[in-house]
Amino acid sequence: MRIIAGDFRSRKLKTLEGEATRPTSDRVKEAIFSSIGPYFDGGCVLDLFAGSGAIGLEALSRGMSKAYFADASSEAVRVIYDNIRTLNVEEHCTVWKMDFIQVLRKSMTLELQFDLIYIDPPYQKQENNLILETIDVFDLLNHKGNIIVESAVEDSFQEKYGRIKKIKEVVYGKVKITYYGKE
């Protein structure tokens, strides 16, 4: 796995071994960032269920100024820290080892708002409806921010979660990317 574009273009990242995670393919990453950017002038990203941290690190490489990474797995958190150190971006990163509800509550308590929230839970453990509802209730998305949900093709989501509205869905093989923004 590698960073596709920006300051850290072509830099390799560590990934988790085994089948516990499924890294987002370069093709899907490029399509996502082309759709929402492709480059940023500052901003804050939340990489929820971060795995290796590749999405948050890609966002930093493309100009975001702060990245929050969250994963409940100790092994994933170790890999995220390794990748952050490899790119020498420690001062721009915060890593939380906790489940998604704890992360969303902590973000609300800290009064954080994000320009990009990337949601990519293990397919068999998805609670995307609850996550999207909570993001809206806790007001965690900036007014021009984007939420991106990576899921299995057969998954379906509501058109709206409070003030958060579906913008579009795109399918890449067995993966569906659903984009949301604030009304």
N, C-alpha and C. Protein backbone atom coordinates (compact mmCIF):
# COMPACT_ATOMS: atom_id res chain seq x y z
N MET A 1 0.85 -1.16 0.00
CA MET A 1 0.00 0.00 0.00
C MET A 1 0.90 1.23 0.00
N ARG A 2 0.39 2.29 -0.67
CA ARG A 2 1.20 3.50 -0.79
C ARG A 2 0.31 4.74 -0.79
N ILE A 3 0.94 5.89 -0.58
CA ILE A 3 0.26 7.18 -0.71
C ILE A 3 0.21 7.48 -2.21
N ILE A 4 -0.93 7.91 -2.71
CA ILE A 4 -1.11 8.10 -4.14
C ILE A 4 -0.62 9.46 -4.63
N ALA A 5 -0.93 10.53 -3.87
CA ALA A 5 -0.62 11.88 -4.37
C ALA A 5 -0.24 12.80 -3.23
N GLY A 6 0.28 13.96 -3.59
CA GLY A 6 0.59 14.99 -2.60
C GLY A 6 2.02 14.93 -2.10
N ASP A 7 2.23 15.50 -0.92
CA ASP A 7 3.57 15.61 -0.34
C ASP A 7 4.28 14.27 -0.14
N PHE A 8 3.52 13.23 0.13
CA PHE A 8 4.11 11.92 0.42
C PHE A 8 3.88 10.92 -0.71
N ARG A 9 3.65 11.43 -1.90
CA ARG A 9 3.36 10.58 -3.05
C ARG A 9 4.36 9.44 -3.18
N SER A 10 3.83 8.24 -3.42
CA SER A 10 4.59 7.00 -3.64
C SER A 10 5.25 6.43 -2.39
N ARG A 11 5.08 7.07 -1.24
CA ARG A 11 5.64 6.52 0.00
C ARG A 11 4.85 5.29 0.40
N LYS A 12 5.55 4.25 0.78
CA LYS A 12 4.90 2.99 1.16
C LYS A 12 4.45 3.03 2.61
N LEU A 13 3.32 2.34 2.85
CA LEU A 13 2.77 2.23 4.19
C LEU A 13 2.71 0.77 4.60
N LYS A 14 2.84 0.54 5.90
CA LYS A 14 2.63 -0.80 6.43
C LYS A 14 1.14 -1.10 6.47
N THR A 15 0.81 -2.37 6.37
CA THR A 15 -0.58 -2.79 6.51
C THR A 15 -0.65 -3.89 7.55
N LEU A 16 -1.85 -4.15 8.01
CA LEU A 16 -2.07 -5.24 8.94
C LEU A 16 -1.98 -6.56 8.20
N GLU A 17 -1.39 -7.53 8.84
CA GLU A 17 -1.31 -8.85 8.22
C GLU A 17 -2.62 -9.60 8.43
N GLY A 18 -2.89 -10.53 7.54
CA GLY A 18 -4.07 -11.38 7.68
C GLY A 18 -5.31 -10.80 7.02
N GLU A 19 -6.42 -11.39 7.34
CA GLU A 19 -7.70 -11.04 6.71
C GLU A 19 -8.56 -10.11 7.57
N ALA A 20 -8.03 -9.64 8.69
CA ALA A 20 -8.82 -8.83 9.62
C ALA A 20 -9.25 -7.49 9.02
N THR A 21 -8.44 -6.95 8.12
CA THR A 21 -8.80 -5.69 7.47
C THR A 21 -8.70 -5.87 5.96
N ARG A 22 -9.34 -4.97 5.24
CA ARG A 22 -9.23 -4.96 3.79
C ARG A 22 -8.92 -3.53 3.37
N PRO A 23 -7.67 -3.28 3.04
CA PRO A 23 -7.27 -1.93 2.67
C PRO A 23 -8.04 -1.42 1.45
N THR A 24 -8.34 -0.14 1.47
CA THR A 24 -9.00 0.50 0.34
C THR A 24 -8.03 0.51 -0.83
N SER A 25 -8.49 0.04 -1.98
CA SER A 25 -7.61 -0.05 -3.15
C SER A 25 -7.20 1.34 -3.64
N ASP A 26 -6.06 1.39 -4.32
CA ASP A 26 -5.57 2.66 -4.88
C ASP A 26 -6.61 3.27 -5.82
N ARG A 27 -7.25 2.43 -6.61
CA ARG A 27 -8.26 2.91 -7.57
C ARG A 27 -9.41 3.61 -6.85
N VAL A 28 -9.89 3.00 -5.77
CA VAL A 28 -11.00 3.59 -5.01
C VAL A 28 -10.53 4.85 -4.30
N LYS A 29 -9.33 4.82 -3.69
CA LYS A 29 -8.79 6.01 -3.01
C LYS A 29 -8.69 7.18 -3.99
N GLU A 30 -8.13 6.93 -5.16
CA GLU A 30 -7.98 8.00 -6.15
C GLU A 30 -9.33 8.56 -6.57
N ALA A 31 -10.31 7.69 -6.77
CA ALA A 31 -11.65 8.15 -7.16
C ALA A 31 -12.28 9.01 -6.05
N ILE A 32 -12.13 8.58 -4.82
CA ILE A 32 -12.69 9.32 -3.69
C ILE A 32 -12.06 10.71 -3.60
N PHE A 33 -10.75 10.77 -3.59
CA PHE A 33 -10.09 12.07 -3.44
C PHE A 33 -10.28 12.96 -4.66
N SER A 34 -10.39 12.39 -5.84
CA SER A 34 -10.69 13.20 -7.02
C SER A 34 -12.08 13.81 -6.91
N SER A 35 -12.99 13.07 -6.29
CA SER A 35 -14.36 13.53 -6.15
C SER A 35 -14.51 14.64 -5.11
N ILE A 36 -13.73 14.60 -4.04
CA ILE A 36 -13.91 15.57 -2.96
C ILE A 36 -12.81 16.62 -2.89
N GLY A 37 -11.79 16.51 -3.67
CA GLY A 37 -10.65 17.42 -3.55
C GLY A 37 -10.21 17.92 -4.91
N PRO A 38 -9.17 17.35 -5.39
CA PRO A 38 -8.35 16.28 -4.86
C PRO A 38 -7.33 16.75 -3.83
N TYR A 39 -7.15 18.08 -3.70
CA TYR A 39 -6.19 18.61 -2.74
C TYR A 39 -6.92 19.56 -1.80
N PHE A 40 -6.34 19.80 -0.63
CA PHE A 40 -7.00 20.60 0.40
C PHE A 40 -6.07 21.70 0.88
N ASP A 41 -6.68 22.76 1.37
CA ASP A 41 -5.94 23.86 1.98
C ASP A 41 -6.28 23.85 3.46
N GLY A 42 -5.67 22.91 4.18
CA GLY A 42 -5.97 22.72 5.60
C GLY A 42 -7.20 21.85 5.79
N GLY A 43 -7.63 21.74 7.01
CA GLY A 43 -8.79 20.95 7.34
C GLY A 43 -8.44 19.78 8.25
N CYS A 44 -9.47 19.09 8.67
CA CYS A 44 -9.33 18.04 9.67
C CYS A 44 -10.09 16.80 9.20
N VAL A 45 -9.41 15.64 9.29
CA VAL A 45 -10.00 14.38 8.85
C VAL A 45 -10.11 13.43 10.04
N LEU A 46 -11.21 12.69 10.08
CA LEU A 46 -11.39 11.58 11.03
C LEU A 46 -11.42 10.29 10.22
N ASP A 47 -10.42 9.45 10.45
CA ASP A 47 -10.33 8.14 9.80
C ASP A 47 -10.84 7.12 10.82
N LEU A 48 -12.13 6.83 10.75
CA LEU A 48 -12.79 5.93 11.70
C LEU A 48 -12.61 4.50 11.21
N PHE A 49 -12.27 3.59 12.09
CA PHE A 49 -11.91 2.20 11.73
C PHE A 49 -10.68 2.28 10.82
N ALA A 50 -9.65 2.95 11.26
CA ALA A 50 -8.54 3.38 10.42
C ALA A 50 -7.67 2.26 9.86
N GLY A 51 -7.59 1.11 10.51
CA GLY A 51 -6.75 0.03 9.99
C GLY A 51 -5.29 0.43 9.98
N SER A 52 -4.76 0.75 8.81
CA SER A 52 -3.36 1.19 8.68
C SER A 52 -3.24 2.71 8.73
N GLY A 53 -4.35 3.42 8.67
CA GLY A 53 -4.34 4.88 8.65
C GLY A 53 -4.16 5.46 7.26
N ALA A 54 -4.27 4.63 6.23
CA ALA A 54 -3.98 5.06 4.86
C ALA A 54 -4.86 6.23 4.39
N ILE A 55 -6.13 6.24 4.74
CA ILE A 55 -7.01 7.32 4.26
C ILE A 55 -6.64 8.64 4.93
N GLY A 56 -6.47 8.63 6.23
CA GLY A 56 -6.09 9.86 6.92
C GLY A 56 -4.74 10.38 6.48
N LEU A 57 -3.79 9.48 6.25
CA LEU A 57 -2.47 9.88 5.79
C LEU A 57 -2.51 10.40 4.35
N GLU A 58 -3.36 9.82 3.52
CA GLU A 58 -3.56 10.34 2.17
C GLU A 58 -4.12 11.76 2.23
N ALA A 59 -5.07 11.99 3.14
CA ALA A 59 -5.65 13.33 3.30
C ALA A 59 -4.59 14.33 3.76
N LEU A 60 -3.73 13.93 4.69
CA LEU A 60 -2.62 14.81 5.11
C LEU A 60 -1.68 15.10 3.95
N SER A 61 -1.36 14.07 3.18
CA SER A 61 -0.48 14.24 2.03
C SER A 61 -1.05 15.23 1.03
N ARG A 62 -2.38 15.28 0.94
CA ARG A 62 -3.06 16.15 -0.02
C ARG A 62 -3.42 17.51 0.58
N GLY A 63 -2.95 17.82 1.79
CA GLY A 63 -3.11 19.17 2.30
C GLY A 63 -3.92 19.36 3.56
N MET A 64 -4.59 18.32 4.07
CA MET A 64 -5.29 18.48 5.35
C MET A 64 -4.23 18.75 6.42
N SER A 65 -4.58 19.51 7.44
CA SER A 65 -3.59 19.89 8.44
C SER A 65 -3.63 19.03 9.70
N LYS A 66 -4.72 18.30 9.93
CA LYS A 66 -4.85 17.49 11.14
C LYS A 66 -5.60 16.20 10.80
N ALA A 67 -5.13 15.09 11.37
CA ALA A 67 -5.79 13.80 11.17
C ALA A 67 -5.99 13.11 12.50
N TYR A 68 -7.20 12.61 12.70
CA TYR A 68 -7.53 11.78 13.85
C TYR A 68 -7.76 10.37 13.32
N PHE A 69 -7.11 9.40 13.94
CA PHE A 69 -7.23 8.00 13.55
C PHE A 69 -7.85 7.25 14.72
N ALA A 70 -8.82 6.39 14.42
CA ALA A 70 -9.45 5.62 15.48
C ALA A 70 -9.58 4.17 15.05
N ASP A 71 -9.18 3.29 15.95
CA ASP A 71 -9.37 1.86 15.72
C ASP A 71 -9.38 1.18 17.08
N ALA A 72 -10.20 0.15 17.22
CA ALA A 72 -10.30 -0.59 18.48
C ALA A 72 -9.21 -1.65 18.61
N SER A 73 -8.53 -1.95 17.52
CA SER A 73 -7.51 -3.00 17.50
C SER A 73 -6.14 -2.46 17.92
N SER A 74 -5.53 -3.12 18.91
CA SER A 74 -4.17 -2.74 19.33
C SER A 74 -3.17 -2.89 18.20
N GLU A 75 -3.32 -3.96 17.44
CA GLU A 75 -2.42 -4.20 16.31
C GLU A 75 -2.54 -3.08 15.27
N ALA A 76 -3.78 -2.68 14.96
CA ALA A 76 -4.00 -1.59 14.01
C ALA A 76 -3.37 -0.30 14.51
N VAL A 77 -3.55 -0.01 15.78
CA VAL A 77 -2.99 1.22 16.36
C VAL A 77 -1.46 1.22 16.24
N ARG A 78 -0.82 0.08 16.46
CA ARG A 78 0.64 -0.01 16.30
C ARG A 78 1.05 0.30 14.87
N VAL A 79 0.31 -0.26 13.89
CA VAL A 79 0.62 -0.01 12.47
C VAL A 79 0.40 1.47 12.13
N ILE A 80 -0.66 2.06 12.64
CA ILE A 80 -0.94 3.48 12.39
C ILE A 80 0.22 4.34 12.92
N TYR A 81 0.64 4.07 14.16
CA TYR A 81 1.78 4.81 14.72
C TYR A 81 3.04 4.64 13.87
N ASP A 82 3.30 3.41 13.42
CA ASP A 82 4.47 3.16 12.56
C ASP A 82 4.40 4.00 11.29
N ASN A 83 3.22 4.03 10.66
CA ASN A 83 3.06 4.80 9.41
C ASN A 83 3.19 6.30 9.65
N ILE A 84 2.67 6.78 10.76
CA ILE A 84 2.80 8.20 11.10
C ILE A 84 4.27 8.56 11.28
N ARG A 85 5.01 7.71 12.00
CA ARG A 85 6.44 7.97 12.21
C ARG A 85 7.21 7.90 10.89
N THR A 86 6.85 6.96 10.03
CA THR A 86 7.52 6.83 8.74
C THR A 86 7.41 8.13 7.93
N LEU A 87 6.25 8.78 7.99
CA LEU A 87 6.03 10.02 7.24
C LEU A 87 6.44 11.26 8.04
N ASN A 88 6.83 11.06 9.31
CA ASN A 88 7.27 12.16 10.16
C ASN A 88 6.19 13.24 10.30
N VAL A 89 4.96 12.81 10.60
CA VAL A 89 3.84 13.74 10.74
C VAL A 89 3.18 13.65 12.12
N GLU A 90 3.95 13.28 13.11
CA GLU A 90 3.41 13.08 14.46
C GLU A 90 2.64 14.31 14.98
N GLU A 91 3.16 15.50 14.70
CA GLU A 91 2.52 16.71 15.23
C GLU A 91 1.17 17.01 14.59
N HIS A 92 0.84 16.34 13.51
CA HIS A 92 -0.43 16.54 12.81
C HIS A 92 -1.44 15.43 13.09
N CYS A 93 -1.07 14.48 13.95
CA CYS A 93 -1.89 13.28 14.12
C CYS A 93 -2.25 13.00 15.57
N THR A 94 -3.46 12.49 15.75
CA THR A 94 -3.92 11.98 17.03
C THR A 94 -4.48 10.59 16.77
N VAL A 95 -4.09 9.62 17.59
CA VAL A 95 -4.54 8.24 17.42
C VAL A 95 -5.29 7.83 18.68
N TRP A 96 -6.50 7.31 18.49
CA TRP A 96 -7.31 6.83 19.59
C TRP A 96 -7.55 5.34 19.45
N LYS A 97 -7.25 4.59 20.50
CA LYS A 97 -7.58 3.17 20.53
C LYS A 97 -8.89 3.04 21.31
N MET A 98 -9.97 3.04 20.59
CA MET A 98 -11.30 2.94 21.21
C MET A 98 -12.33 2.62 20.14
N ASP A 99 -13.52 2.22 20.59
CA ASP A 99 -14.57 1.90 19.62
C ASP A 99 -15.20 3.19 19.10
N PHE A 100 -16.00 3.04 18.04
CA PHE A 100 -16.50 4.22 17.34
C PHE A 100 -17.38 5.11 18.20
N ILE A 101 -18.18 4.54 19.08
CA ILE A 101 -19.05 5.37 19.94
C ILE A 101 -18.19 6.22 20.88
N GLN A 102 -17.15 5.62 21.46
CA GLN A 102 -16.25 6.38 22.31
C GLN A 102 -15.57 7.51 21.53
N VAL A 103 -15.18 7.22 20.30
CA VAL A 103 -14.53 8.23 19.45
C VAL A 103 -15.49 9.38 19.17
N LEU A 104 -16.72 9.07 18.81
CA LEU A 104 -17.68 10.12 18.49
C LEU A 104 -18.01 10.95 19.72
N ARG A 105 -18.16 10.30 20.87
CA ARG A 105 -18.41 11.04 22.12
C ARG A 105 -17.22 11.95 22.47
N LYS A 106 -16.01 11.41 22.35
CA LYS A 106 -14.81 12.20 22.66
C LYS A 106 -14.70 13.41 21.72
N SER A 107 -15.01 13.19 20.44
CA SER A 107 -14.97 14.28 19.46
C SER A 107 -15.97 15.38 19.84
N MET A 108 -17.16 14.97 20.28
CA MET A 108 -18.17 15.94 20.70
C MET A 108 -17.68 16.69 21.94
N THR A 109 -17.15 15.96 22.92
CA THR A 109 -16.65 16.58 24.15
C THR A 109 -15.56 17.59 23.86
N LEU A 110 -14.69 17.28 22.90
CA LEU A 110 -13.60 18.19 22.52
C LEU A 110 -14.07 19.28 21.55
N GLU A 111 -15.36 19.23 21.20
CA GLU A 111 -15.97 20.19 20.28
C GLU A 111 -15.28 20.20 18.93
N LEU A 112 -14.93 19.01 18.45
CA LEU A 112 -14.29 18.88 17.14
C LEU A 112 -15.35 18.86 16.05
N GLN A 113 -15.00 19.41 14.91
CA GLN A 113 -15.77 19.26 13.70
C GLN A 113 -14.78 18.88 12.61
N PHE A 114 -15.23 18.01 11.73
CA PHE A 114 -14.34 17.46 10.71
C PHE A 114 -14.75 17.91 9.32
N ASP A 115 -13.74 18.07 8.47
CA ASP A 115 -13.98 18.38 7.06
C ASP A 115 -14.17 17.11 6.26
N LEU A 116 -13.63 16.01 6.76
CA LEU A 116 -13.77 14.70 6.12
C LEU A 116 -13.86 13.64 7.21
N ILE A 117 -14.89 12.82 7.12
CA ILE A 117 -15.04 11.67 8.01
C ILE A 117 -15.12 10.45 7.11
N TYR A 118 -14.18 9.53 7.28
CA TYR A 118 -14.14 8.30 6.48
C TYR A 118 -14.55 7.14 7.36
N ILE A 119 -15.59 6.44 6.95
CA ILE A 119 -16.17 5.34 7.73
C ILE A 119 -16.00 4.05 6.94
N ASP A 120 -15.24 3.12 7.49
CA ASP A 120 -14.97 1.86 6.80
C ASP A 120 -14.86 0.71 7.80
N PRO A 121 -15.98 0.39 8.47
CA PRO A 121 -15.92 -0.70 9.45
C PRO A 121 -15.84 -2.06 8.77
N PRO A 122 -15.44 -3.08 9.53
CA PRO A 122 -15.51 -4.43 8.96
C PRO A 122 -16.94 -4.69 8.47
N TYR A 123 -17.07 -5.23 7.28
CA TYR A 123 -18.40 -5.38 6.68
C TYR A 123 -19.37 -6.13 7.58
N GLN A 124 -18.92 -7.16 8.29
CA GLN A 124 -19.81 -7.95 9.10
C GLN A 124 -20.20 -7.25 10.41
N LYS A 125 -19.54 -6.15 10.74
CA LYS A 125 -19.82 -5.46 12.01
C LYS A 125 -20.32 -4.04 11.79
N GLN A 126 -20.88 -3.78 10.64
CA GLN A 126 -21.27 -2.40 10.33
C GLN A 126 -22.46 -1.95 11.15
N GLU A 127 -22.32 -0.74 11.64
CA GLU A 127 -23.42 -0.03 12.29
C GLU A 127 -23.48 1.37 11.71
N ASN A 128 -23.42 1.43 10.38
CA ASN A 128 -23.30 2.72 9.70
C ASN A 128 -24.47 3.65 9.98
N ASN A 129 -25.69 3.11 10.08
CA ASN A 129 -26.83 3.98 10.38
C ASN A 129 -26.65 4.66 11.73
N LEU A 130 -26.24 3.91 12.74
CA LEU A 130 -26.00 4.48 14.06
C LEU A 130 -24.87 5.51 14.01
N ILE A 131 -23.82 5.20 13.29
CA ILE A 131 -22.68 6.12 13.18
C ILE A 131 -23.12 7.44 12.53
N LEU A 132 -23.85 7.34 11.42
CA LEU A 132 -24.28 8.56 10.72
C LEU A 132 -25.26 9.37 11.56
N GLU A 133 -26.18 8.70 12.25
CA GLU A 133 -27.10 9.41 13.15
C GLU A 133 -26.34 10.13 14.26
N THR A 134 -25.35 9.46 14.82
CA THR A 134 -24.57 10.05 15.92
C THR A 134 -23.75 11.23 15.43
N ILE A 135 -23.15 11.13 14.27
CA ILE A 135 -22.39 12.26 13.71
C ILE A 135 -23.30 13.47 13.58
N ASP A 136 -24.53 13.26 13.13
CA ASP A 136 -25.46 14.38 13.01
C ASP A 136 -25.84 14.95 14.37
N VAL A 137 -26.24 14.09 15.30
CA VAL A 137 -26.68 14.54 16.63
C VAL A 137 -25.55 15.28 17.34
N PHE A 138 -24.32 14.78 17.23
CA PHE A 138 -23.18 15.41 17.90
C PHE A 138 -22.60 16.58 17.10
N ASP A 139 -23.13 16.82 15.89
CA ASP A 139 -22.71 17.93 15.03
C ASP A 139 -21.20 17.90 14.76
N LEU A 140 -20.72 16.76 14.27
CA LEU A 140 -19.28 16.56 14.07
C LEU A 140 -18.78 16.90 12.67
N LEU A 141 -19.70 17.19 11.75
CA LEU A 141 -19.31 17.49 10.37
C LEU A 141 -19.39 18.99 10.13
N ASN A 142 -18.29 19.57 9.60
CA ASN A 142 -18.31 20.97 9.21
C ASN A 142 -19.38 21.20 8.15
N HIS A 143 -19.83 22.43 8.02
CA HIS A 143 -20.94 22.73 7.11
C HIS A 143 -20.63 22.38 5.65
N LYS A 144 -19.38 22.39 5.24
CA LYS A 144 -19.04 21.99 3.87
C LYS A 144 -18.25 20.69 3.83
N GLY A 145 -18.31 19.93 4.93
CA GLY A 145 -17.55 18.70 5.04
C GLY A 145 -18.18 17.54 4.28
N ASN A 146 -17.42 16.46 4.19
CA ASN A 146 -17.86 15.24 3.51
C ASN A 146 -17.75 14.05 4.45
N ILE A 147 -18.73 13.17 4.36
CA ILE A 147 -18.66 11.86 5.01
C ILE A 147 -18.62 10.85 3.88
N ILE A 148 -17.70 9.92 3.98
CA ILE A 148 -17.59 8.87 2.97
C ILE A 148 -17.70 7.54 3.69
N VAL A 149 -18.63 6.71 3.21
CA VAL A 149 -18.86 5.39 3.79
C VAL A 149 -18.44 4.34 2.77
N GLU A 150 -17.51 3.48 3.15
CA GLU A 150 -17.12 2.35 2.31
C GLU A 150 -17.85 1.12 2.84
N SER A 151 -18.55 0.43 1.94
CA SER A 151 -19.36 -0.72 2.37
C SER A 151 -19.43 -1.76 1.25
N ALA A 152 -20.09 -2.86 1.57
CA ALA A 152 -20.37 -3.87 0.57
C ALA A 152 -21.44 -3.33 -0.38
N VAL A 153 -21.42 -3.79 -1.60
CA VAL A 153 -22.36 -3.30 -2.62
C VAL A 153 -23.81 -3.47 -2.19
N GLU A 154 -24.13 -4.55 -1.51
CA GLU A 154 -25.53 -4.83 -1.16
C GLU A 154 -26.05 -3.98 0.00
N ASP A 155 -25.18 -3.26 0.70
CA ASP A 155 -25.62 -2.43 1.82
C ASP A 155 -26.37 -1.21 1.29
N SER A 156 -27.39 -0.81 2.05
CA SER A 156 -28.13 0.39 1.66
C SER A 156 -28.24 1.32 2.87
N PHE A 157 -28.33 2.59 2.58
CA PHE A 157 -28.37 3.61 3.62
C PHE A 157 -29.49 4.59 3.33
N GLN A 158 -29.92 5.27 4.37
CA GLN A 158 -30.98 6.25 4.24
C GLN A 158 -30.49 7.44 3.40
N GLU A 159 -31.44 8.17 2.87
CA GLU A 159 -31.11 9.38 2.12
C GLU A 159 -30.65 10.50 3.04
N LYS A 160 -31.20 10.53 4.27
CA LYS A 160 -30.88 11.60 5.20
C LYS A 160 -30.74 11.05 6.62
N TYR A 161 -29.87 11.69 7.36
CA TYR A 161 -29.71 11.46 8.80
C TYR A 161 -29.71 12.85 9.42
N GLY A 162 -30.88 13.34 9.80
CA GLY A 162 -30.98 14.71 10.31
C GLY A 162 -30.58 15.69 9.22
N ARG A 163 -29.49 16.45 9.47
CA ARG A 163 -29.02 17.45 8.50
C ARG A 163 -28.01 16.88 7.51
N ILE A 164 -27.71 15.59 7.65
CA ILE A 164 -26.74 14.96 6.75
C ILE A 164 -27.50 14.28 5.61
N LYS A 165 -27.13 14.63 4.38
CA LYS A 165 -27.87 14.19 3.21
C LYS A 165 -26.96 13.41 2.25
N LYS A 166 -27.50 12.33 1.70
CA LYS A 166 -26.74 11.54 0.72
C LYS A 166 -26.55 12.37 -0.54
N ILE A 167 -25.31 12.37 -1.03
CA ILE A 167 -24.99 13.10 -2.25
C ILE A 167 -24.95 12.15 -3.45
N LYS A 168 -24.26 11.02 -3.27
CA LYS A 168 -24.18 10.05 -4.36
C LYS A 168 -23.62 8.73 -3.85
N GLU A 169 -23.81 7.70 -4.67
CA GLU A 169 -23.21 6.39 -4.42
C GLU A 169 -22.51 5.94 -5.70
N VAL A 170 -21.35 5.31 -5.52
CA VAL A 170 -20.60 4.80 -6.66
C VAL A 170 -20.12 3.40 -6.30
N VAL A 171 -20.22 2.48 -7.27
CA VAL A 171 -19.80 1.10 -7.04
C VAL A 171 -18.50 0.82 -7.80
N TYR A 172 -17.56 0.20 -7.10
CA TYR A 172 -16.28 -0.23 -7.68
C TYR A 172 -16.15 -1.72 -7.38
N GLY A 173 -16.56 -2.57 -8.31
CA GLY A 173 -16.49 -4.01 -8.08
C GLY A 173 -17.40 -4.42 -6.94
N LYS A 174 -16.82 -4.92 -5.84
CA LYS A 174 -17.60 -5.38 -4.68
C LYS A 174 -17.74 -4.31 -3.61
N VAL A 175 -17.22 -3.12 -3.88
CA VAL A 175 -17.21 -2.03 -2.90
C VAL A 175 -18.15 -0.92 -3.35
N LYS A 176 -18.91 -0.40 -2.38
CA LYS A 176 -19.75 0.77 -2.65
C LYS A 176 -19.25 1.93 -1.80
N ILE A 177 -19.13 3.09 -2.43
CA ILE A 177 -18.74 4.31 -1.74
C ILE A 177 -19.97 5.23 -1.75
N THR A 178 -20.39 5.62 -0.54
CA THR A 178 -21.54 6.51 -0.39
C THR A 178 -21.06 7.83 0.19
N TYR A 179 -21.40 8.91 -0.47
CA TYR A 179 -20.98 10.25 -0.07
C TYR A 179 -22.15 10.98 0.61
N TYR A 180 -21.84 11.63 1.72
CA TYR A 180 -22.82 12.44 2.43
C TYR A 180 -22.23 13.83 2.67
N GLY A 181 -23.12 14.82 2.76
CA GLY A 181 -22.72 16.18 3.11
C GLY A 181 -23.81 16.79 3.96
N LYS A 182 -23.53 17.94 4.50
CA LYS A 182 -24.50 18.64 5.35
C LYS A 182 -25.41 19.49 4.50
N GLU A 183 -26.69 19.54 4.86
CA GLU A 183 -27.62 20.39 4.13
C GLU A 183 -27.35 21.85 4.43
